[in-house]
Amino acid sequence: MHAPSSHPVAHGAPAATTRKSEIDALARQALTGHTAVVESLLAIVEPMVRRYCLARLSTYRRSYKSVDDVVQEICLGVLVALPRYRDRGGSFLYVVYTIASNKVADTFQERDRTTPVGEIPEQRSARQEPEQFVLASERGQRLARLLAELPHQQREILILRIALGLSSAETADALGSTPGTVRAHQHRALKRLRLLAAHRDQW
């Protein structure tokens, strides 16, 4: 379960429950300091963090940092926070999300305070032809621009649900919310995206 299924995960599905339970169980076990347990936890968390960063930083063209840099900083932040983690009925996903969202926000602020030094190289699959890569990049850029126009909470929910493939329950745990609230915000966000996309197409 190191990567979410490409198919939508139904609310309350065993796969979603297992992933959340596995992360929370590993976080508790990692408090003992066992290196293997910590590595197992990071093996699950790192791909999720990477997908989140790619979604949030997809329009982040000029910077001193690459996506890899930000991912590494987030994972380091998770390691630093781990010894202080206490299971009080929540989920470790909330800790991971808080660190990731704060680090991405810091990255944008650093960009605004500094002079860009060059373009971040595009990451392209070896299987993609140049034309496919250009089309994929353009679609990603267009979606990122549309997402940027959403309210913060709606944007984060769509990224967690779509880019990371989290269930409504997992997204609620990450945001400290409820599944019902997540689904309501997601419905409004998708409706808003459709209106924005239709408006852009008329330009």
Protein backbone atom coordinates (compact mmCIF):
# COMPACT_ATOMS: atom_id res chain seq x y z
CA MET A 1 0.00 0.00 0.00
CA HIS A 2 2.78 2.34 -0.80
CA ALA A 3 0.79 3.99 -3.55
CA PRO A 4 -2.92 4.73 -3.83
CA SER A 5 -4.96 2.95 -6.46
CA SER A 6 -5.58 4.77 -9.71
CA HIS A 7 -9.29 4.14 -9.15
CA PRO A 8 -11.32 6.32 -6.77
CA VAL A 9 -11.32 4.96 -3.25
CA ALA A 10 -14.80 4.61 -1.81
CA HIS A 11 -15.44 6.18 1.56
CA GLY A 12 -14.75 3.64 4.26
CA ALA A 13 -13.13 1.18 1.84
CA PRO A 14 -10.76 -1.37 3.42
CA ALA A 15 -7.80 -0.06 1.36
CA ALA A 16 -8.18 3.45 2.74
CA THR A 17 -8.66 2.19 6.29
CA THR A 18 -5.59 -0.06 6.03
CA ARG A 19 -3.37 2.76 4.76
CA LYS A 20 -4.41 5.16 7.51
CA SER A 21 -4.10 2.44 10.16
CA GLU A 22 -0.67 1.44 8.85
CA ILE A 23 0.64 5.02 8.98
CA ASP A 24 -0.70 5.60 12.48
CA ALA A 25 0.60 2.25 13.74
CA LEU A 26 4.07 2.90 12.32
CA ALA A 27 4.11 6.39 13.84
CA ARG A 28 3.40 4.92 17.27
CA GLN A 29 6.01 2.19 16.83
CA ALA A 30 8.58 4.70 15.55
CA LEU A 31 8.52 6.39 18.95
CA THR A 32 10.63 3.48 20.19
CA GLY A 33 13.43 4.68 17.91
CA HIS A 34 13.70 1.54 15.76
CA THR A 35 15.38 2.61 12.52
CA ALA A 36 13.58 0.03 10.40
CA VAL A 37 10.17 1.24 11.60
CA VAL A 38 11.05 4.87 10.88
CA GLU A 39 12.25 3.90 7.40
CA SER A 40 9.01 2.00 6.77
CA LEU A 41 6.99 5.05 7.82
CA LEU A 42 8.98 7.36 5.53
CA ALA A 43 8.62 4.88 2.67
CA ILE A 44 4.86 5.45 2.81
CA VAL A 45 4.93 9.16 3.63
CA GLU A 46 7.55 10.30 1.09
CA PRO A 47 5.58 9.41 -2.10
CA MET A 48 2.49 11.12 -0.66
CA VAL A 49 4.53 14.22 0.18
CA ARG A 50 6.06 14.21 -3.30
CA ARG A 51 2.66 14.11 -5.01
CA TYR A 52 1.46 16.93 -2.78
CA CYS A 53 4.52 19.06 -3.62
CA LEU A 54 4.21 18.38 -7.34
CA ALA A 55 0.58 19.48 -7.23
CA ARG A 56 1.24 22.61 -5.17
CA LEU A 57 4.50 23.62 -6.88
CA SER A 58 3.55 22.84 -10.47
CA THR A 59 3.57 26.54 -11.41
CA TYR A 60 6.68 27.19 -9.33
CA ARG A 61 9.07 27.89 -12.16
CA ARG A 62 11.95 29.87 -10.72
CA SER A 63 13.52 29.15 -7.38
CA TYR A 64 16.61 28.22 -5.46
CA LYS A 65 14.78 25.00 -4.56
CA SER A 66 13.60 22.02 -6.54
CA VAL A 67 10.64 19.83 -5.64
CA ASP A 68 13.17 17.27 -4.37
CA ASP A 69 14.58 19.89 -1.98
CA VAL A 70 11.13 20.67 -0.57
CA VAL A 71 10.24 16.98 -0.24
CA GLN A 72 13.47 16.33 1.67
CA GLU A 73 12.81 19.26 4.00
CA ILE A 74 9.30 18.00 4.72
CA CYS A 75 10.53 14.48 5.43
CA LEU A 76 13.17 15.93 7.72
CA GLY A 77 10.45 17.92 9.47
CA VAL A 78 8.45 14.72 9.94
CA LEU A 79 11.50 13.04 11.49
CA VAL A 80 12.02 15.98 13.86
CA ALA A 81 8.35 16.00 14.86
CA LEU A 82 8.12 12.24 15.33
CA PRO A 83 9.64 12.04 18.85
CA ARG A 84 7.11 14.63 20.06
CA TYR A 85 4.13 12.87 18.50
CA ARG A 86 1.46 11.67 20.90
CA ASP A 87 -1.54 9.63 19.81
CA ARG A 88 -4.53 11.51 21.20
CA GLY A 89 -7.12 9.94 18.94
CA GLY A 90 -6.19 11.84 15.79
CA SER A 91 -4.07 10.69 12.88
CA PHE A 92 -0.40 11.14 12.04
CA LEU A 93 -1.61 12.27 8.61
CA TYR A 94 -2.52 15.58 10.27
CA VAL A 95 1.09 16.04 11.41
CA VAL A 96 2.44 15.21 7.94
CA TYR A 97 -0.01 17.51 6.18
CA THR A 98 0.66 20.41 8.56
CA ILE A 99 4.40 20.15 8.02
CA ALA A 100 4.00 19.81 4.24
CA SER A 101 1.59 22.72 3.83
CA ASN A 102 3.71 25.00 6.02
CA LYS A 103 6.90 24.09 4.15
CA VAL A 104 5.27 24.74 0.77
CA ALA A 105 3.99 28.10 2.04
CA ASP A 106 7.52 28.93 3.26
CA THR A 107 8.88 28.01 -0.17
CA PHE A 108 6.53 30.42 -1.91
CA GLN A 109 7.46 33.17 0.56
CA GLU A 110 11.17 32.55 -0.02
CA ARG A 111 10.60 32.80 -3.76
CA ASP A 112 8.90 36.16 -3.33
CA ARG A 113 11.81 37.48 -1.23
CA THR A 114 14.62 36.31 -3.51
CA THR A 115 15.86 36.85 -7.04
CA PRO A 116 15.28 33.77 -9.21
CA VAL A 117 18.39 32.09 -10.50
CA GLY A 118 16.95 29.87 -13.20
CA GLU A 119 14.31 27.44 -14.31
CA ILE A 120 13.61 24.23 -12.44
CA PRO A 121 14.08 21.43 -14.99
CA GLU A 122 10.89 19.71 -16.04
CA GLN A 123 10.61 16.10 -14.92
CA ARG A 124 9.53 13.86 -17.78
CA SER A 125 8.86 10.17 -17.98
CA ALA A 126 11.24 8.32 -20.27
CA ARG A 127 8.20 6.76 -21.93
CA GLN A 128 6.67 10.12 -22.89
CA GLU A 129 7.18 11.41 -26.40
CA PRO A 130 7.99 15.17 -26.59
CA GLU A 131 4.50 15.99 -27.89
CA GLN A 132 2.86 14.01 -25.07
CA PHE A 133 5.06 15.73 -22.52
CA VAL A 134 4.16 19.20 -23.82
CA LEU A 135 0.45 18.40 -23.74
CA ALA A 136 0.69 16.92 -20.24
CA SER A 137 2.65 19.93 -19.02
CA GLU A 138 0.15 22.34 -20.51
CA ARG A 139 -2.78 20.51 -18.92
CA GLY A 140 -0.97 20.48 -15.58
CA GLN A 141 -0.22 24.19 -15.79
CA ARG A 142 -3.81 25.00 -16.73
CA LEU A 143 -5.17 22.94 -13.83
CA ALA A 144 -2.69 24.54 -11.43
CA ARG A 145 -3.81 28.01 -12.49
CA LEU A 146 -7.45 27.04 -11.96
CA LEU A 147 -6.69 25.53 -8.55
CA ALA A 148 -4.89 28.72 -7.54
CA GLU A 149 -8.19 30.60 -7.90
CA LEU A 150 -9.99 28.39 -5.40
CA PRO A 151 -10.25 29.25 -1.69
CA HIS A 152 -7.36 27.72 0.26
CA GLN A 153 -9.36 24.95 1.96
CA GLN A 154 -11.10 23.86 -1.24
CA ARG A 155 -7.77 23.77 -3.10
CA GLU A 156 -6.10 21.69 -0.40
CA ILE A 157 -8.99 19.23 -0.30
CA LEU A 158 -8.85 18.67 -4.06
CA ILE A 159 -5.09 18.16 -3.94
CA LEU A 160 -5.34 15.65 -1.10
CA ARG A 161 -8.28 13.82 -2.68
CA ILE A 162 -7.11 13.83 -6.31
CA ALA A 163 -3.32 14.22 -6.33
CA LEU A 164 -2.70 12.04 -3.27
CA GLY A 165 -5.72 9.79 -3.71
CA LEU A 166 -6.79 10.08 -0.06
CA SER A 167 -10.29 9.07 0.93
CA SER A 168 -12.71 11.58 2.46
CA ALA A 169 -11.92 10.14 5.89
CA GLU A 170 -8.15 10.34 5.38
CA THR A 171 -8.43 13.91 4.07
CA ALA A 172 -10.51 14.83 7.09
CA ASP A 173 -7.84 13.36 9.39
CA ALA A 174 -5.12 15.31 7.60
CA LEU A 175 -7.04 18.58 7.86
CA GLY A 176 -8.49 18.05 11.31
CA SER A 177 -11.99 18.11 9.83
CA THR A 178 -14.84 15.66 9.20
CA PRO A 179 -15.57 13.52 6.12
CA GLY A 180 -18.90 15.28 5.62
CA THR A 181 -17.23 18.69 5.58
CA VAL A 182 -14.58 17.42 3.18
CA ARG A 183 -17.20 16.08 0.77
CA ALA A 184 -19.17 19.33 0.92
CA HIS A 185 -16.08 21.44 0.20
CA GLN A 186 -15.05 19.06 -2.58
CA HIS A 187 -18.45 19.38 -4.23
CA ARG A 188 -18.26 23.19 -4.12
CA ALA A 189 -14.65 23.15 -5.33
CA LEU A 190 -15.41 20.96 -8.35
CA LYS A 191 -18.42 23.10 -9.23
CA ARG A 192 -16.24 26.22 -9.00
CA LEU A 193 -13.53 24.60 -11.15
CA ARG A 194 -16.05 23.77 -13.87
CA LEU A 195 -17.26 27.39 -13.92
CA LEU A 196 -13.68 28.71 -14.03
CA ALA A 197 -12.73 26.31 -16.82
CA ALA A 198 -15.79 27.26 -18.88
CA HIS A 199 -15.01 30.94 -18.38
CA ARG A 200 -11.38 30.47 -19.42
CA ASP A 201 -12.45 28.60 -22.56
CA GLN A 202 -14.42 31.67 -23.64
CA TRP A 203 -11.35 33.92 -23.52
